Amino acid sequence: MQEGIIADRYARAFLAYTDAHGLSEAVTAQASTLLSAMGRLPQFRQALVAVLDLSLKERLSLLRSSVAPQKLEGSIERLFLLMEEHGRTAQFRMALLDYLTMYRKEKGIRMVMVTTATPDEGMSRKAAGLVEQVFGQSVEPVCKVDPDIVGGFILDTWGYRLDASVRGALERTEKQFRDNNKRKV
């Protein structure tokens, strides 16, 4: 629990800093890229906090290369160095996650998970547009592919779920069929 509080404090201060210097959008894009890399590659996440295995210079180089061909935002590098200086690099990922959450909340941006059976950017944009209409907020779609849903899409946002998938329709039909047959027996 202590780690969460510590990461939250770094994130809150980092958001105030990026807002004051007009860096929020650029930092948010790079933080998303970094977090995506950390999620896909657990070895990358572990290497960033491996104080005994890699030198600070090597870890900074790794951090910089993760957003290539772009140049790493200096403020992200300074956050990493500050957390390194205080022995808090283990909370770097959590601080970035908290930063993104706070940034989205401040800007009124709603995260939307769109699950489709095949990669389909058009479907994701349509689903995001639906959420924007319903909630009247900006939307940041996150796409996920799950071939098990057969077709259609599943939309998840802030505790709401819209299941317009073939698998969901089949499951609802099966449940309805079972419920109807229980009454007749």
Protein backbone atom coordinates (compact mmCIF):
# COMPACT_ATOMS: atom_id res chain seq x y z
CA MET A 1 0.00 0.00 0.00
CA GLN A 2 2.88 2.36 0.80
CA GLU A 3 4.15 1.99 -2.79
CA GLY A 4 0.82 3.19 -4.14
CA ILE A 5 0.86 6.29 -1.95
CA ILE A 6 4.44 7.07 -2.95
CA ALA A 7 3.73 6.62 -6.67
CA ASP A 8 0.61 8.76 -6.34
CA ARG A 9 2.62 11.62 -4.84
CA TYR A 10 5.20 11.49 -7.62
CA ALA A 11 2.41 11.35 -10.23
CA ARG A 12 0.54 14.29 -8.72
CA ALA A 13 3.69 16.43 -8.66
CA PHE A 14 4.64 15.30 -12.17
CA LEU A 15 1.19 16.26 -13.51
CA ALA A 16 1.45 19.70 -11.89
CA TYR A 17 4.89 20.14 -13.44
CA THR A 18 3.84 19.05 -16.96
CA ASP A 19 0.71 21.22 -16.80
CA ALA A 20 2.70 24.26 -15.69
CA HIS A 21 5.21 23.79 -18.52
CA GLY A 22 2.68 22.87 -21.24
CA LEU A 23 4.13 19.38 -21.68
CA SER A 24 1.11 17.30 -20.69
CA GLU A 25 0.10 16.02 -24.13
CA ALA A 26 3.61 15.06 -25.25
CA VAL A 27 4.41 13.44 -21.91
CA THR A 28 1.10 11.56 -21.91
CA ALA A 29 1.80 10.10 -25.36
CA GLN A 30 5.27 8.96 -24.33
CA ALA A 31 4.10 7.64 -20.96
CA SER A 32 1.51 5.53 -22.81
CA THR A 33 4.24 4.19 -25.12
CA LEU A 34 6.49 3.38 -22.16
CA LEU A 35 3.71 1.65 -20.25
CA SER A 36 2.75 -0.34 -23.31
CA ALA A 37 6.36 -1.52 -23.68
CA MET A 38 6.51 -2.39 -19.97
CA GLY A 39 3.29 -4.38 -20.29
CA ARG A 40 4.41 -6.30 -23.38
CA LEU A 41 7.96 -6.91 -22.16
CA PRO A 42 8.27 -7.75 -18.46
CA GLN A 43 12.06 -7.97 -18.96
CA PHE A 44 12.10 -4.28 -19.95
CA ARG A 45 10.21 -3.32 -16.79
CA GLN A 46 12.56 -5.43 -14.66
CA ALA A 47 15.67 -4.00 -16.35
CA LEU A 48 14.60 -0.43 -15.53
CA VAL A 49 14.59 -1.19 -11.81
CA ALA A 50 17.58 -3.58 -11.86
CA VAL A 51 19.94 -1.33 -9.90
CA LEU A 52 22.44 -4.14 -9.33
CA ASP A 53 22.38 -5.56 -12.88
CA LEU A 54 22.58 -2.41 -15.01
CA SER A 55 24.21 0.96 -14.50
CA LEU A 56 22.11 4.11 -14.43
CA LYS A 57 23.53 5.08 -17.82
CA GLU A 58 22.43 1.74 -19.32
CA ARG A 59 18.95 2.01 -17.82
CA LEU A 60 18.56 5.58 -19.15
CA SER A 61 19.66 4.38 -22.58
CA LEU A 62 17.06 1.62 -22.38
CA LEU A 63 14.40 4.14 -21.38
CA ARG A 64 15.35 6.44 -24.27
CA SER A 65 15.33 3.64 -26.83
CA SER A 66 11.83 2.56 -25.80
CA VAL A 67 10.28 5.69 -27.39
CA ALA A 68 12.57 5.74 -30.46
CA PRO A 69 12.54 7.21 -33.06
CA GLN A 70 11.18 10.07 -30.92
CA LYS A 71 13.39 11.79 -28.39
CA LEU A 72 12.45 10.98 -24.79
CA GLU A 73 10.75 13.92 -23.09
CA GLY A 74 13.23 15.49 -20.68
CA SER A 75 10.59 15.63 -17.96
CA ILE A 76 10.11 11.84 -18.05
CA GLU A 77 13.85 11.39 -17.83
CA ARG A 78 14.00 13.82 -14.89
CA LEU A 79 11.18 11.93 -13.15
CA PHE A 80 13.10 8.69 -13.59
CA LEU A 81 16.32 10.29 -12.27
CA LEU A 82 14.49 11.80 -9.29
CA MET A 83 12.93 8.46 -8.42
CA GLU A 84 16.33 6.79 -8.88
CA GLU A 85 17.95 9.33 -6.56
CA HIS A 86 15.40 8.51 -3.86
CA GLY A 87 15.54 4.75 -4.43
CA ARG A 88 12.01 4.65 -5.86
CA THR A 89 12.52 3.28 -9.39
CA ALA A 90 10.41 0.25 -8.43
CA GLN A 91 7.43 2.65 -8.33
CA PHE A 92 8.23 4.31 -11.70
CA ARG A 93 5.65 2.26 -13.61
CA MET A 94 2.98 2.89 -10.98
CA ALA A 95 3.76 6.62 -11.02
CA LEU A 96 3.29 6.71 -14.81
CA LEU A 97 0.00 4.79 -14.51
CA ASP A 98 -1.22 7.19 -11.82
CA TYR A 99 -0.10 10.15 -13.93
CA LEU A 100 -2.13 8.93 -16.93
CA THR A 101 -5.18 8.33 -14.74
CA MET A 102 -4.96 11.82 -13.23
CA TYR A 103 -4.34 13.42 -16.64
CA ARG A 104 -7.40 11.71 -18.17
CA LYS A 105 -9.56 12.67 -15.24
CA GLU A 106 -8.39 16.29 -15.39
CA LYS A 107 -9.06 16.48 -19.14
CA GLY A 108 -12.36 14.55 -18.99
CA ILE A 109 -11.05 11.70 -21.14
CA ARG A 110 -12.79 8.33 -20.76
CA MET A 111 -10.84 5.12 -21.37
CA VAL A 112 -12.70 2.60 -23.50
CA MET A 113 -11.65 -1.02 -24.02
CA VAL A 114 -12.91 -2.27 -27.38
CA THR A 115 -12.60 -6.02 -27.89
CA THR A 116 -13.06 -7.39 -31.40
CA ALA A 117 -12.60 -10.83 -32.97
CA THR A 118 -10.12 -9.46 -35.53
CA PRO A 119 -8.06 -6.26 -35.64
CA ASP A 120 -10.58 -3.65 -36.81
CA GLU A 121 -9.77 0.04 -36.36
CA GLY A 122 -13.06 1.08 -37.97
CA MET A 123 -15.07 -0.82 -35.36
CA SER A 124 -13.00 0.70 -32.57
CA ARG A 125 -13.61 4.23 -33.89
CA LYS A 126 -17.36 3.59 -34.20
CA ALA A 127 -17.54 2.20 -30.66
CA ALA A 128 -15.51 5.14 -29.33
CA GLY A 129 -17.89 7.52 -31.13
CA LEU A 130 -20.86 5.79 -29.48
CA VAL A 131 -19.33 6.30 -26.04
CA GLU A 132 -18.58 9.96 -26.83
CA GLN A 133 -22.25 10.47 -27.76
CA VAL A 134 -23.63 8.68 -24.71
CA PHE A 135 -21.31 10.19 -22.08
CA GLY A 136 -20.45 13.48 -23.78
CA GLN A 137 -16.75 13.08 -23.05
CA SER A 138 -13.59 12.60 -25.08
CA VAL A 139 -12.65 8.97 -25.50
CA GLU A 140 -9.33 7.16 -25.67
CA PRO A 141 -9.95 3.70 -27.16
CA VAL A 142 -7.77 0.74 -26.26
CA CYS A 143 -8.14 -2.10 -28.73
CA LYS A 144 -7.95 -5.76 -27.81
CA VAL A 145 -8.33 -8.77 -30.11
CA ASP A 146 -10.07 -11.90 -28.81
CA PRO A 147 -10.96 -14.42 -31.53
CA ASP A 148 -13.19 -16.29 -29.04
CA ILE A 149 -15.92 -13.64 -29.37
CA VAL A 150 -16.39 -14.83 -33.00
CA GLY A 151 -17.71 -11.47 -34.29
CA GLY A 152 -19.07 -8.08 -33.20
CA PHE A 153 -17.48 -6.24 -30.31
CA ILE A 154 -17.43 -5.82 -26.53
CA LEU A 155 -17.15 -2.32 -25.13
CA ASP A 156 -15.96 -1.72 -21.54
CA THR A 157 -15.75 1.68 -19.87
CA TRP A 158 -15.92 2.77 -16.22
CA GLY A 159 -17.93 -0.20 -15.02
CA TYR A 160 -20.26 -0.28 -18.02
CA ARG A 161 -20.21 -3.13 -20.52
CA LEU A 162 -21.91 -3.43 -23.87
CA ASP A 163 -21.58 -6.92 -25.28
CA ALA A 164 -22.52 -6.93 -28.97
CA SER A 165 -20.47 -10.05 -29.74
CA VAL A 166 -21.64 -13.26 -31.36
CA ARG A 167 -20.40 -15.25 -28.35
CA GLY A 168 -22.37 -12.98 -25.99
CA ALA A 169 -25.54 -13.39 -28.07
CA LEU A 170 -25.12 -17.18 -28.07
CA GLU A 171 -24.58 -17.24 -24.31
CA ARG A 172 -27.68 -15.10 -23.71
CA THR A 173 -29.73 -17.33 -26.02
CA GLU A 174 -28.50 -20.44 -24.21
CA LYS A 175 -29.36 -18.94 -20.81
CA GLN A 176 -32.80 -17.91 -22.04
CA PHE A 177 -33.37 -21.40 -23.41
CA ARG A 178 -32.31 -23.03 -20.12
CA ASP A 179 -34.46 -20.66 -18.06
CA ASN A 180 -37.52 -21.34 -20.23
CA ASN A 181 -37.01 -25.11 -19.98
CA LYS A 182 -36.69 -25.00 -16.18
CA ARG A 183 -40.14 -23.48 -15.87
CA LYS A 184 -41.78 -26.18 -18.00
CA VAL A 185 -40.37 -29.13 -16.08
